[in-house]
C-alpha cells in the first residue's frame, strides 16, 4: 500500500545519520525505493536517470571491462550497468562514508550483484595511491548537493586521468545550481590541457551538467 501511495506522495521509510552528509532518508517515491538527502537525490531517483543518460552518451558497451565509480550513494549505478546495459564488467566503487556503504548493502542489497568491489576510502586518496587503470571512471561525488572543492582541483583531475586506459572515458557529474560556471570551466580546462576530448551535456533532468571526457 505504501508503495502504491508513493505514486501520489513520497513516503518516508527510514532515516540515517551520516557524519558526512547529515540526515539521509530512505523514501518511497513514485513507486520506487530511493535514497535522498534533505535537498537532493542520492540514488535510484533522478540521479539514476542522469547517469544513465551519461552512459548512453558515451555509447557504453561490453568493451568497458573495468569501471571505477567514485561516490557510491545507494549503488544505483550498478543496477543501471547490470540490468539496463547488460554488462558484467568489473566495477570498483569508492565512498568515504561507511553509513552510505551500509545503506547500499542493507537497504538496496547491492551485494546481490557479482564482480564488484566496494572500498571505504576518501576518493582523492584512493585515486592517488591506486595502480589500477580503468576503461570508464564515473565521478559522482557530492556532499548534499555540492561537489567538494578538492574534487575540482587539477591534482585530483590529473590523478583521475592517469588512471584511464587508452581510449578510456570519464563521466563527471555536477549540479547546475551549486557548481559555479568558472569551476566547471576549470575542470574542462584541465581535461583539455591533457588532450582529452570534451563534451558537456547541459541540463540533464533539468538539474545537472555532465562533463564527458575521452582519452
N, C-alpha and C. Protein backbone atom coordinates (compact mmCIF):
# COMPACT_ATOMS: atom_id res chain seq x y z
N UNK A 1 0.82 -1.20 0.00
CA UNK A 1 0.00 0.00 0.00
C UNK A 1 0.87 1.26 0.00
N UNK A 2 1.94 1.27 0.83
CA UNK A 2 2.83 2.44 0.87
C UNK A 2 3.46 2.69 -0.50
N UNK A 3 3.88 1.59 -1.14
CA UNK A 3 4.48 1.72 -2.46
C UNK A 3 3.50 2.31 -3.45
N UNK A 4 2.25 1.87 -3.38
CA UNK A 4 1.22 2.39 -4.28
C UNK A 4 0.96 3.87 -4.01
N UNK A 5 0.84 4.22 -2.73
CA UNK A 5 0.55 5.62 -2.37
C UNK A 5 1.67 6.56 -2.75
N UNK A 6 2.91 6.03 -2.85
CA UNK A 6 4.06 6.88 -3.19
C UNK A 6 3.98 7.43 -4.60
N UNK A 7 3.11 6.86 -5.44
CA UNK A 7 2.89 7.44 -6.77
C UNK A 7 2.17 8.78 -6.66
N UNK A 8 1.50 8.98 -5.54
CA UNK A 8 0.76 10.23 -5.31
C UNK A 8 1.59 11.19 -4.46
N UNK A 9 2.23 10.65 -3.40
CA UNK A 9 3.00 11.48 -2.49
C UNK A 9 4.17 10.66 -1.95
N UNK A 10 5.41 11.19 -2.00
CA UNK A 10 6.55 10.45 -1.47
C UNK A 10 6.33 10.04 -0.01
N UNK A 11 6.84 8.88 0.35
CA UNK A 11 6.60 8.32 1.68
C UNK A 11 7.92 7.96 2.33
N UNK A 12 8.15 8.44 3.55
CA UNK A 12 9.41 8.19 4.26
C UNK A 12 9.37 6.82 4.93
N UNK A 13 10.45 6.05 4.74
CA UNK A 13 10.56 4.73 5.35
C UNK A 13 11.50 4.71 6.55
N UNK A 14 12.66 5.33 6.41
CA UNK A 14 13.69 5.26 7.46
C UNK A 14 14.65 6.42 7.30
N UNK A 15 15.27 6.81 8.42
CA UNK A 15 16.26 7.88 8.40
C UNK A 15 17.57 7.38 9.00
N UNK A 16 18.67 7.84 8.41
CA UNK A 16 20.01 7.54 8.91
C UNK A 16 20.73 8.85 9.17
N UNK A 17 21.71 8.83 10.07
CA UNK A 17 22.55 9.99 10.33
C UNK A 17 23.95 9.71 9.83
N UNK A 18 24.43 10.55 8.92
CA UNK A 18 25.78 10.41 8.37
C UNK A 18 26.65 11.56 8.86
N UNK A 19 27.88 11.23 9.24
CA UNK A 19 28.80 12.29 9.70
C UNK A 19 29.26 13.16 8.55
N UNK A 20 29.06 12.70 7.32
CA UNK A 20 29.46 13.47 6.14
C UNK A 20 28.27 14.20 5.49
N UNK A 21 27.15 13.52 5.38
CA UNK A 21 26.03 14.05 4.61
C UNK A 21 24.84 14.49 5.46
N UNK A 22 24.97 14.41 6.79
CA UNK A 22 23.86 14.79 7.63
C UNK A 22 22.77 13.72 7.59
N UNK A 23 21.53 14.15 7.54
CA UNK A 23 20.42 13.19 7.54
C UNK A 23 20.23 12.59 6.15
N UNK A 24 20.17 11.28 6.11
CA UNK A 24 19.87 10.55 4.89
C UNK A 24 18.53 9.86 5.07
N UNK A 25 17.74 9.84 4.00
CA UNK A 25 16.38 9.31 4.09
C UNK A 25 16.16 8.20 3.06
N UNK A 26 15.56 7.12 3.52
CA UNK A 26 15.09 6.08 2.62
C UNK A 26 13.61 6.37 2.39
N UNK A 27 13.24 6.66 1.16
CA UNK A 27 11.87 7.03 0.82
C UNK A 27 11.31 6.15 -0.28
N UNK A 28 10.00 6.06 -0.31
CA UNK A 28 9.32 5.55 -1.49
C UNK A 28 8.89 6.77 -2.30
N UNK A 29 9.25 6.82 -3.56
CA UNK A 29 8.89 7.93 -4.43
C UNK A 29 8.50 7.36 -5.79
N UNK A 30 7.29 7.63 -6.20
CA UNK A 30 6.81 7.16 -7.49
C UNK A 30 6.93 5.63 -7.62
N UNK A 31 6.65 4.96 -6.51
CA UNK A 31 6.63 3.51 -6.52
C UNK A 31 7.99 2.85 -6.38
N UNK A 32 9.03 3.64 -6.12
CA UNK A 32 10.38 3.08 -6.06
C UNK A 32 11.08 3.54 -4.79
N UNK A 33 11.87 2.64 -4.22
CA UNK A 33 12.67 2.95 -3.04
C UNK A 33 13.88 3.77 -3.47
N UNK A 34 14.09 4.93 -2.82
CA UNK A 34 15.18 5.83 -3.21
C UNK A 34 15.94 6.28 -1.97
N UNK A 35 17.15 6.80 -2.21
CA UNK A 35 17.98 7.38 -1.15
C UNK A 35 18.09 8.88 -1.40
N UNK A 36 17.69 9.68 -0.40
CA UNK A 36 17.69 11.13 -0.53
C UNK A 36 18.43 11.78 0.64
N UNK A 37 18.93 13.00 0.38
CA UNK A 37 19.32 13.89 1.46
C UNK A 37 18.18 14.88 1.64
N UNK A 38 18.39 15.87 2.48
CA UNK A 38 17.33 16.87 2.70
C UNK A 38 17.09 17.72 1.46
N UNK A 39 18.08 17.78 0.53
CA UNK A 39 17.91 18.67 -0.62
C UNK A 39 18.29 18.05 -1.96
N UNK A 40 18.52 16.73 -2.00
CA UNK A 40 18.90 16.12 -3.28
C UNK A 40 18.67 14.62 -3.25
N UNK A 41 18.58 14.04 -4.44
CA UNK A 41 18.50 12.58 -4.56
C UNK A 41 19.91 12.02 -4.65
N UNK A 42 20.18 10.96 -3.88
CA UNK A 42 21.49 10.31 -3.89
C UNK A 42 21.51 9.05 -4.75
N UNK A 43 20.36 8.39 -4.88
CA UNK A 43 20.34 7.14 -5.66
C UNK A 43 18.91 6.70 -5.96
N UNK A 44 18.77 6.06 -7.11
CA UNK A 44 17.55 5.38 -7.56
C UNK A 44 16.42 6.32 -7.95
N UNK A 45 16.67 7.61 -7.99
CA UNK A 45 15.67 8.55 -8.47
C UNK A 45 16.22 9.31 -9.67
N UNK A 46 16.22 10.64 -9.55
CA UNK A 46 16.72 11.49 -10.63
C UNK A 46 18.18 11.19 -10.95
N UNK A 47 18.98 10.95 -9.92
CA UNK A 47 20.40 10.69 -10.14
C UNK A 47 20.62 9.49 -11.05
N UNK A 48 19.84 8.44 -10.86
CA UNK A 48 20.00 7.25 -11.69
C UNK A 48 19.72 7.58 -13.16
N UNK A 49 18.72 8.41 -13.39
CA UNK A 49 18.39 8.82 -14.77
C UNK A 49 19.52 9.65 -15.38
N UNK A 50 20.13 10.50 -14.55
CA UNK A 50 21.21 11.37 -15.03
C UNK A 50 22.41 10.55 -15.49
N UNK A 51 22.84 9.60 -14.66
CA UNK A 51 24.00 8.79 -15.03
C UNK A 51 23.67 7.83 -16.17
N UNK A 52 22.43 7.38 -16.24
CA UNK A 52 22.00 6.56 -17.38
C UNK A 52 22.19 7.35 -18.68
N UNK A 53 21.83 8.62 -18.66
CA UNK A 53 22.00 9.47 -19.83
C UNK A 53 23.48 9.59 -20.20
N UNK A 54 24.35 9.71 -19.19
CA UNK A 54 25.78 9.77 -19.46
C UNK A 54 26.30 8.51 -20.11
N UNK A 55 25.85 7.36 -19.65
CA UNK A 55 26.27 6.09 -20.23
C UNK A 55 25.77 5.95 -21.67
N UNK A 56 24.56 6.42 -21.92
CA UNK A 56 24.06 6.41 -23.30
C UNK A 56 24.92 7.30 -24.19
N UNK A 57 25.31 8.46 -23.66
CA UNK A 57 26.08 9.42 -24.45
C UNK A 57 27.43 8.85 -24.87
N UNK A 58 28.08 8.09 -23.99
CA UNK A 58 29.39 7.53 -24.35
C UNK A 58 29.25 6.23 -25.14
N UNK A 59 27.98 5.86 -25.41
CA UNK A 59 27.70 4.61 -26.13
C UNK A 59 28.34 3.42 -25.40
N UNK A 60 27.98 3.32 -24.12
CA UNK A 60 28.52 2.28 -23.25
C UNK A 60 28.25 0.89 -23.81
N UNK A 61 29.28 0.09 -23.86
CA UNK A 61 29.15 -1.29 -24.37
C UNK A 61 29.95 -2.23 -23.48
N UNK A 62 29.90 -3.50 -23.83
CA UNK A 62 30.66 -4.50 -23.07
C UNK A 62 32.16 -4.40 -23.30
N UNK A 63 32.59 -3.49 -24.17
CA UNK A 63 34.02 -3.25 -24.32
C UNK A 63 34.61 -2.64 -23.05
N UNK A 64 33.75 -2.02 -22.25
CA UNK A 64 34.18 -1.46 -20.97
C UNK A 64 34.27 -2.59 -19.95
N UNK A 65 35.47 -3.06 -19.68
CA UNK A 65 35.65 -4.22 -18.82
C UNK A 65 35.98 -3.85 -17.37
N UNK A 66 36.51 -2.66 -17.16
CA UNK A 66 36.90 -2.22 -15.82
C UNK A 66 36.36 -0.82 -15.58
N UNK A 67 35.52 -0.70 -14.56
CA UNK A 67 34.84 0.57 -14.29
C UNK A 67 35.13 1.00 -12.86
N UNK A 68 35.42 2.28 -12.69
CA UNK A 68 35.60 2.86 -11.37
C UNK A 68 34.51 3.89 -11.12
N UNK A 69 33.84 3.77 -9.97
CA UNK A 69 32.82 4.73 -9.58
C UNK A 69 33.27 5.40 -8.29
N UNK A 70 33.49 6.70 -8.35
CA UNK A 70 33.86 7.48 -7.17
C UNK A 70 32.61 8.16 -6.63
N UNK A 71 32.13 7.68 -5.50
CA UNK A 71 30.86 8.13 -4.95
C UNK A 71 29.82 7.04 -5.12
N UNK A 72 29.51 6.32 -4.06
CA UNK A 72 28.64 5.14 -4.17
C UNK A 72 27.17 5.48 -4.13
N UNK A 73 26.75 6.37 -3.21
CA UNK A 73 25.33 6.55 -2.99
C UNK A 73 24.70 5.22 -2.60
N UNK A 74 23.51 4.96 -3.09
CA UNK A 74 22.86 3.68 -2.81
C UNK A 74 23.26 2.58 -3.77
N UNK A 75 24.12 2.92 -4.73
CA UNK A 75 24.61 1.92 -5.67
C UNK A 75 23.75 1.72 -6.90
N UNK A 76 22.90 2.70 -7.22
CA UNK A 76 22.00 2.53 -8.37
C UNK A 76 22.75 2.41 -9.68
N UNK A 77 23.99 2.93 -9.74
CA UNK A 77 24.76 2.81 -10.98
C UNK A 77 25.05 1.35 -11.31
N UNK A 78 25.18 0.50 -10.28
CA UNK A 78 25.41 -0.93 -10.53
C UNK A 78 24.18 -1.53 -11.20
N UNK A 79 23.01 -1.22 -10.66
CA UNK A 79 21.76 -1.70 -11.26
C UNK A 79 21.65 -1.26 -12.71
N UNK A 80 22.00 -0.01 -12.98
CA UNK A 80 21.93 0.51 -14.35
C UNK A 80 22.86 -0.26 -15.28
N UNK A 81 24.10 -0.45 -14.85
CA UNK A 81 25.08 -1.14 -15.69
C UNK A 81 24.70 -2.60 -15.90
N UNK A 82 24.26 -3.27 -14.85
CA UNK A 82 23.93 -4.69 -14.96
C UNK A 82 22.61 -4.93 -15.68
N UNK A 83 21.55 -4.23 -15.26
CA UNK A 83 20.21 -4.55 -15.75
C UNK A 83 19.85 -3.83 -17.04
N UNK A 84 20.26 -2.57 -17.17
CA UNK A 84 19.88 -1.81 -18.36
C UNK A 84 20.86 -2.01 -19.51
N UNK A 85 22.15 -2.08 -19.19
CA UNK A 85 23.16 -2.22 -20.24
C UNK A 85 23.70 -3.65 -20.36
N UNK A 86 23.21 -4.54 -19.50
CA UNK A 86 23.54 -5.98 -19.57
C UNK A 86 25.04 -6.22 -19.56
N UNK A 87 25.75 -5.43 -18.78
CA UNK A 87 27.21 -5.55 -18.71
C UNK A 87 27.63 -6.30 -17.45
N UNK A 88 28.60 -7.19 -17.61
CA UNK A 88 29.17 -7.93 -16.48
C UNK A 88 30.54 -7.37 -16.08
N UNK A 89 30.85 -6.16 -16.53
CA UNK A 89 32.15 -5.55 -16.26
C UNK A 89 32.45 -5.49 -14.76
N UNK A 90 33.74 -5.57 -14.43
CA UNK A 90 34.16 -5.36 -13.05
C UNK A 90 33.92 -3.90 -12.67
N UNK A 91 33.33 -3.69 -11.48
CA UNK A 91 33.04 -2.33 -11.00
C UNK A 91 33.66 -2.15 -9.62
N UNK A 92 34.56 -1.19 -9.52
CA UNK A 92 35.12 -0.80 -8.22
C UNK A 92 34.40 0.47 -7.78
N UNK A 93 33.91 0.47 -6.54
CA UNK A 93 33.14 1.60 -6.02
C UNK A 93 33.79 2.12 -4.75
N UNK A 94 34.01 3.44 -4.71
CA UNK A 94 34.73 4.05 -3.59
C UNK A 94 33.85 5.11 -2.94
N UNK A 95 33.72 5.02 -1.61
CA UNK A 95 32.99 6.05 -0.87
C UNK A 95 33.61 6.19 0.51
N UNK A 96 33.72 7.42 0.97
CA UNK A 96 34.35 7.70 2.27
C UNK A 96 33.40 7.39 3.43
N UNK A 97 32.10 7.31 3.15
CA UNK A 97 31.06 7.27 4.18
C UNK A 97 30.63 5.83 4.46
N UNK A 98 31.00 5.30 5.63
CA UNK A 98 30.61 3.93 5.94
C UNK A 98 29.11 3.79 6.14
N UNK A 99 28.42 4.88 6.49
CA UNK A 99 26.96 4.84 6.59
C UNK A 99 26.33 4.63 5.22
N UNK A 100 26.85 5.32 4.23
CA UNK A 100 26.38 5.14 2.86
C UNK A 100 26.58 3.70 2.40
N UNK A 101 27.74 3.15 2.70
CA UNK A 101 28.03 1.77 2.29
C UNK A 101 27.06 0.80 2.97
N UNK A 102 26.79 1.03 4.26
CA UNK A 102 25.81 0.19 4.96
C UNK A 102 24.44 0.28 4.32
N UNK A 103 24.01 1.48 3.98
CA UNK A 103 22.71 1.67 3.34
C UNK A 103 22.66 0.94 2.00
N UNK A 104 23.71 1.09 1.22
CA UNK A 104 23.74 0.45 -0.10
C UNK A 104 23.64 -1.07 0.02
N UNK A 105 24.30 -1.63 1.03
CA UNK A 105 24.28 -3.08 1.22
C UNK A 105 22.96 -3.57 1.81
N UNK A 106 22.48 -2.88 2.87
CA UNK A 106 21.33 -3.38 3.61
C UNK A 106 19.99 -2.94 3.03
N UNK A 107 19.91 -1.71 2.57
CA UNK A 107 18.63 -1.21 2.06
C UNK A 107 18.43 -1.52 0.57
N UNK A 108 19.55 -1.53 -0.18
CA UNK A 108 19.42 -1.73 -1.63
C UNK A 108 20.08 -3.01 -2.13
N UNK A 109 20.64 -3.78 -1.20
CA UNK A 109 21.13 -5.14 -1.47
C UNK A 109 22.07 -5.20 -2.68
N UNK A 110 23.03 -4.28 -2.73
CA UNK A 110 23.90 -4.24 -3.91
C UNK A 110 24.85 -5.43 -3.98
N UNK A 111 25.01 -6.12 -2.87
CA UNK A 111 25.90 -7.29 -2.91
C UNK A 111 25.28 -8.47 -3.65
N UNK A 112 24.04 -8.32 -4.10
CA UNK A 112 23.46 -9.36 -4.96
C UNK A 112 24.11 -9.38 -6.34
N UNK A 113 24.80 -8.29 -6.66
CA UNK A 113 25.49 -8.20 -7.95
C UNK A 113 26.90 -8.78 -7.83
N UNK A 114 27.30 -9.52 -8.83
CA UNK A 114 28.62 -10.12 -8.85
C UNK A 114 29.65 -9.16 -9.45
N UNK A 115 30.93 -9.48 -9.21
CA UNK A 115 32.06 -8.79 -9.85
C UNK A 115 32.11 -7.31 -9.50
N UNK A 116 31.86 -7.00 -8.23
CA UNK A 116 32.01 -5.63 -7.75
C UNK A 116 32.93 -5.64 -6.54
N UNK A 117 33.54 -4.48 -6.28
CA UNK A 117 34.40 -4.33 -5.10
C UNK A 117 34.12 -2.96 -4.49
N UNK A 118 33.74 -2.95 -3.20
CA UNK A 118 33.39 -1.71 -2.51
C UNK A 118 34.51 -1.35 -1.54
N UNK A 119 34.99 -0.12 -1.63
CA UNK A 119 36.09 0.34 -0.80
C UNK A 119 35.66 1.57 -0.02
N UNK A 120 35.87 1.55 1.29
CA UNK A 120 35.61 2.72 2.12
C UNK A 120 36.90 3.54 2.21
N UNK A 121 36.93 4.65 1.49
CA UNK A 121 38.14 5.46 1.44
C UNK A 121 37.77 6.83 0.87
N UNK A 122 38.61 7.80 1.16
CA UNK A 122 38.48 9.11 0.52
C UNK A 122 38.88 8.96 -0.94
N UNK A 123 38.02 9.40 -1.85
CA UNK A 123 38.28 9.21 -3.28
C UNK A 123 39.57 9.88 -3.73
N UNK A 124 39.90 11.02 -3.13
CA UNK A 124 41.13 11.70 -3.53
C UNK A 124 42.37 10.91 -3.10
N UNK A 125 42.30 10.25 -1.94
CA UNK A 125 43.40 9.39 -1.50
C UNK A 125 43.48 8.13 -2.37
N UNK A 126 42.32 7.55 -2.61
CA UNK A 126 42.28 6.32 -3.40
C UNK A 126 42.88 6.53 -4.78
N UNK A 127 42.45 7.58 -5.47
CA UNK A 127 42.87 7.78 -6.86
C UNK A 127 44.36 8.10 -6.93
N UNK A 128 44.91 8.61 -5.85
CA UNK A 128 46.34 8.93 -5.82
C UNK A 128 47.20 7.68 -5.64
N UNK A 129 46.71 6.74 -4.83
CA UNK A 129 47.55 5.60 -4.47
C UNK A 129 47.29 4.33 -5.27
N UNK A 130 46.13 4.24 -5.95
CA UNK A 130 45.85 3.01 -6.68
C UNK A 130 46.74 2.90 -7.92
N UNK A 131 47.07 1.68 -8.28
CA UNK A 131 47.82 1.44 -9.51
C UNK A 131 46.93 0.88 -10.61
N UNK A 132 45.65 0.68 -10.30
CA UNK A 132 44.71 0.12 -11.28
C UNK A 132 44.38 1.15 -12.35
N UNK A 133 44.03 0.66 -13.52
CA UNK A 133 43.55 1.53 -14.59
C UNK A 133 42.19 1.03 -15.06
N UNK A 134 41.43 1.95 -15.67
CA UNK A 134 40.03 1.66 -15.96
C UNK A 134 39.63 2.16 -17.34
N UNK A 135 38.63 1.50 -17.90
CA UNK A 135 38.06 1.91 -19.19
C UNK A 135 37.08 3.06 -19.01
N UNK A 136 36.47 3.13 -17.84
CA UNK A 136 35.49 4.18 -17.55
C UNK A 136 35.60 4.56 -16.09
N UNK A 137 35.66 5.88 -15.84
CA UNK A 137 35.63 6.39 -14.47
C UNK A 137 34.44 7.35 -14.34
N UNK A 138 33.58 7.07 -13.38
CA UNK A 138 32.43 7.92 -13.10
C UNK A 138 32.70 8.68 -11.81
N UNK A 139 32.74 10.00 -11.91
CA UNK A 139 32.96 10.85 -10.74
C UNK A 139 31.60 11.42 -10.33
N UNK A 140 31.10 10.94 -9.21
CA UNK A 140 29.75 11.30 -8.76
C UNK A 140 29.80 11.58 -7.26
N UNK A 141 30.61 12.58 -6.91
CA UNK A 141 30.93 12.84 -5.51
C UNK A 141 30.23 14.13 -5.06
N UNK A 142 29.31 13.95 -4.11
CA UNK A 142 28.58 15.09 -3.57
C UNK A 142 28.51 14.98 -2.06
N UNK A 143 28.55 16.11 -1.40
CA UNK A 143 28.11 16.22 -0.02
C UNK A 143 26.83 17.04 -0.08
N UNK A 144 25.71 16.39 0.14
CA UNK A 144 24.43 17.03 -0.11
C UNK A 144 24.28 17.25 -1.60
N UNK A 145 24.22 18.52 -2.01
CA UNK A 145 24.08 18.82 -3.44
C UNK A 145 25.32 19.51 -4.01
N UNK A 146 26.44 19.41 -3.31
CA UNK A 146 27.64 20.15 -3.71
C UNK A 146 28.84 19.22 -3.89
N UNK A 147 29.58 19.42 -4.97
CA UNK A 147 30.83 18.70 -5.18
C UNK A 147 31.91 19.36 -4.31
N UNK A 148 32.53 18.62 -3.38
CA UNK A 148 33.59 19.23 -2.56
C UNK A 148 34.72 19.77 -3.44
N UNK A 149 35.28 20.90 -3.01
CA UNK A 149 36.26 21.63 -3.82
C UNK A 149 37.46 20.77 -4.23
N UNK A 150 37.91 19.89 -3.34
CA UNK A 150 39.10 19.10 -3.64
C UNK A 150 38.94 18.28 -4.92
N UNK A 151 37.69 17.93 -5.25
CA UNK A 151 37.45 17.11 -6.43
C UNK A 151 37.29 17.93 -7.71
N UNK A 152 37.49 19.24 -7.59
CA UNK A 152 37.52 20.10 -8.76
C UNK A 152 38.92 20.62 -9.04
N UNK A 153 39.89 20.24 -8.20
CA UNK A 153 41.25 20.76 -8.31
C UNK A 153 42.07 19.98 -9.34
N UNK A 154 43.05 20.64 -9.98
CA UNK A 154 43.86 19.98 -11.01
C UNK A 154 44.54 18.71 -10.55
N UNK A 155 44.98 18.66 -9.29
CA UNK A 155 45.69 17.47 -8.81
C UNK A 155 44.79 16.24 -8.86
N UNK A 156 43.58 16.35 -8.35
CA UNK A 156 42.65 15.22 -8.38
C UNK A 156 42.28 14.86 -9.81
N UNK A 157 42.01 15.86 -10.63
CA UNK A 157 41.61 15.60 -12.01
C UNK A 157 42.73 14.91 -12.79
N UNK A 158 43.96 15.36 -12.57
CA UNK A 158 45.11 14.75 -13.24
C UNK A 158 45.31 13.31 -12.77
N UNK A 159 45.19 13.09 -11.47
CA UNK A 159 45.30 11.72 -10.94
C UNK A 159 44.24 10.81 -11.57
N UNK A 160 43.05 11.35 -11.76
CA UNK A 160 41.95 10.57 -12.36
C UNK A 160 42.26 10.24 -13.81
N UNK A 161 42.74 11.21 -14.56
CA UNK A 161 43.12 10.99 -15.96
C UNK A 161 44.19 9.90 -16.06
N UNK A 162 45.13 9.92 -15.13
CA UNK A 162 46.23 8.95 -15.14
C UNK A 162 45.76 7.52 -14.88
N UNK A 163 44.56 7.36 -14.39
CA UNK A 163 44.03 6.03 -14.11
C UNK A 163 43.18 5.50 -15.27
N UNK A 164 43.15 6.25 -16.38
CA UNK A 164 42.39 5.82 -17.56
C UNK A 164 43.24 4.95 -18.47
N UNK A 165 42.62 3.90 -19.00
CA UNK A 165 43.23 3.14 -20.08
C UNK A 165 43.18 3.96 -21.37
N UNK A 166 43.99 3.60 -22.40
CA UNK A 166 43.86 4.25 -23.70
C UNK A 166 42.40 4.20 -24.18
N UNK A 167 41.92 5.33 -24.68
CA UNK A 167 40.53 5.47 -25.12
C UNK A 167 39.52 5.42 -23.97
N UNK A 168 40.03 5.49 -22.73
CA UNK A 168 39.14 5.49 -21.58
C UNK A 168 38.34 6.78 -21.49
N UNK A 169 37.23 6.71 -20.76
CA UNK A 169 36.31 7.84 -20.66
C UNK A 169 36.01 8.19 -19.21
N UNK A 170 35.69 9.46 -19.00
CA UNK A 170 35.26 9.96 -17.70
C UNK A 170 33.86 10.55 -17.84
N UNK A 171 32.98 10.20 -16.92
CA UNK A 171 31.70 10.89 -16.77
C UNK A 171 31.75 11.61 -15.43
N UNK A 172 31.73 12.94 -15.47
CA UNK A 172 31.88 13.75 -14.26
C UNK A 172 30.56 14.49 -14.03
N UNK A 173 29.89 14.17 -12.93
CA UNK A 173 28.57 14.71 -12.64
C UNK A 173 28.65 15.98 -11.81
N UNK A 174 27.90 17.01 -12.22
CA UNK A 174 27.84 18.27 -11.47
C UNK A 174 26.40 18.72 -11.37
N UNK A 175 26.11 19.55 -10.38
CA UNK A 175 24.77 20.12 -10.22
C UNK A 175 24.82 21.60 -10.59
N UNK A 176 23.93 22.01 -11.45
CA UNK A 176 23.98 23.35 -12.03
C UNK A 176 23.84 24.46 -10.98
N UNK A 177 23.02 24.24 -9.97
CA UNK A 177 22.75 25.31 -9.01
C UNK A 177 23.86 25.50 -7.99
N UNK A 178 24.77 24.51 -7.88
CA UNK A 178 25.79 24.61 -6.84
C UNK A 178 27.21 24.68 -7.37
N UNK A 179 27.42 24.37 -8.65
CA UNK A 179 28.77 24.47 -9.20
C UNK A 179 28.89 25.74 -10.03
N UNK A 180 29.72 26.68 -9.60
CA UNK A 180 29.90 27.92 -10.37
C UNK A 180 30.42 27.63 -11.77
N UNK A 181 30.03 28.46 -12.72
CA UNK A 181 30.44 28.25 -14.11
C UNK A 181 31.96 28.28 -14.26
N UNK A 182 32.62 29.12 -13.46
CA UNK A 182 34.08 29.21 -13.56
C UNK A 182 34.74 27.91 -13.08
N UNK A 183 34.11 27.23 -12.11
CA UNK A 183 34.65 25.95 -11.64
C UNK A 183 34.47 24.88 -12.71
N UNK A 184 33.31 24.87 -13.32
CA UNK A 184 33.06 23.94 -14.42
C UNK A 184 34.07 24.16 -15.54
N UNK A 185 34.32 25.41 -15.85
CA UNK A 185 35.30 25.74 -16.91
C UNK A 185 36.71 25.31 -16.52
N UNK A 186 37.04 25.40 -15.24
CA UNK A 186 38.37 24.99 -14.75
C UNK A 186 38.57 23.49 -14.94
N UNK A 187 37.52 22.72 -14.65
CA UNK A 187 37.59 21.27 -14.84
C UNK A 187 37.79 20.95 -16.32
N UNK A 188 37.01 21.60 -17.17
CA UNK A 188 37.14 21.38 -18.62
C UNK A 188 38.55 21.72 -19.10
N UNK A 189 39.12 22.80 -18.56
CA UNK A 189 40.45 23.24 -18.97
C UNK A 189 41.51 22.18 -18.66
N UNK A 190 41.42 21.57 -17.48
CA UNK A 190 42.38 20.53 -17.12
C UNK A 190 42.26 19.35 -18.09
N UNK A 191 41.05 18.94 -18.39
CA UNK A 191 40.86 17.84 -19.35
C UNK A 191 41.41 18.21 -20.73
N UNK A 192 41.12 19.43 -21.14
CA UNK A 192 41.57 19.89 -22.46
C UNK A 192 43.10 19.92 -22.54
N UNK A 193 43.73 20.40 -21.48
CA UNK A 193 45.20 20.51 -21.48
C UNK A 193 45.87 19.14 -21.45
N UNK A 194 45.14 18.13 -21.03
CA UNK A 194 45.67 16.76 -21.05
C UNK A 194 45.23 16.00 -22.30
N UNK A 195 44.78 16.76 -23.30
CA UNK A 195 44.43 16.22 -24.62
C UNK A 195 43.25 15.26 -24.61
N UNK A 196 42.32 15.47 -23.69
CA UNK A 196 41.09 14.69 -23.71
C UNK A 196 40.04 15.39 -24.58
N UNK A 197 39.24 14.61 -25.27
CA UNK A 197 38.09 15.16 -25.98
C UNK A 197 36.99 15.42 -24.96
N UNK A 198 36.36 16.59 -25.08
CA UNK A 198 35.41 17.01 -24.06
C UNK A 198 34.05 17.35 -24.67
N UNK A 199 33.01 16.94 -23.97
CA UNK A 199 31.65 17.36 -24.32
C UNK A 199 30.89 17.57 -23.01
N UNK A 200 30.07 18.61 -22.94
CA UNK A 200 29.27 18.86 -21.76
C UNK A 200 27.79 18.69 -22.11
N UNK A 201 27.14 17.77 -21.40
CA UNK A 201 25.70 17.62 -21.53
C UNK A 201 25.04 18.54 -20.52
N UNK A 202 24.33 19.53 -21.00
CA UNK A 202 23.75 20.54 -20.11
C UNK A 202 22.29 20.20 -19.77
N UNK A 203 21.90 20.59 -18.56
CA UNK A 203 20.53 20.48 -18.10
C UNK A 203 19.98 19.06 -18.21
N UNK A 204 20.79 18.10 -17.81
CA UNK A 204 20.31 16.73 -17.78
C UNK A 204 19.30 16.60 -16.64
N UNK A 205 18.09 16.15 -16.95
CA UNK A 205 16.98 16.15 -15.99
C UNK A 205 16.76 17.55 -15.41
N UNK A 206 17.14 18.57 -16.20
CA UNK A 206 16.97 19.99 -15.86
C UNK A 206 17.90 20.48 -14.74
N UNK A 207 18.58 19.59 -14.03
CA UNK A 207 19.29 19.99 -12.83
C UNK A 207 20.81 19.84 -12.89
N UNK A 208 21.31 18.99 -13.78
CA UNK A 208 22.73 18.64 -13.74
C UNK A 208 23.42 18.85 -15.08
N UNK A 209 24.73 19.07 -15.02
CA UNK A 209 25.58 19.06 -16.21
C UNK A 209 26.53 17.88 -16.08
N UNK A 210 26.72 17.13 -17.17
CA UNK A 210 27.66 16.04 -17.19
C UNK A 210 28.82 16.41 -18.10
N UNK A 211 30.03 16.34 -17.56
CA UNK A 211 31.23 16.51 -18.38
C UNK A 211 31.66 15.14 -18.87
N UNK A 212 31.70 14.97 -20.18
CA UNK A 212 32.14 13.72 -20.79
C UNK A 212 33.53 13.95 -21.37
N UNK A 213 34.50 13.18 -20.94
CA UNK A 213 35.88 13.35 -21.41
C UNK A 213 36.43 12.00 -21.87
N UNK A 214 37.13 12.01 -22.99
CA UNK A 214 37.67 10.78 -23.55
C UNK A 214 39.16 10.92 -23.81
N UNK A 215 39.93 9.93 -23.38
CA UNK A 215 41.38 9.96 -23.53
C UNK A 215 41.78 9.62 -24.97
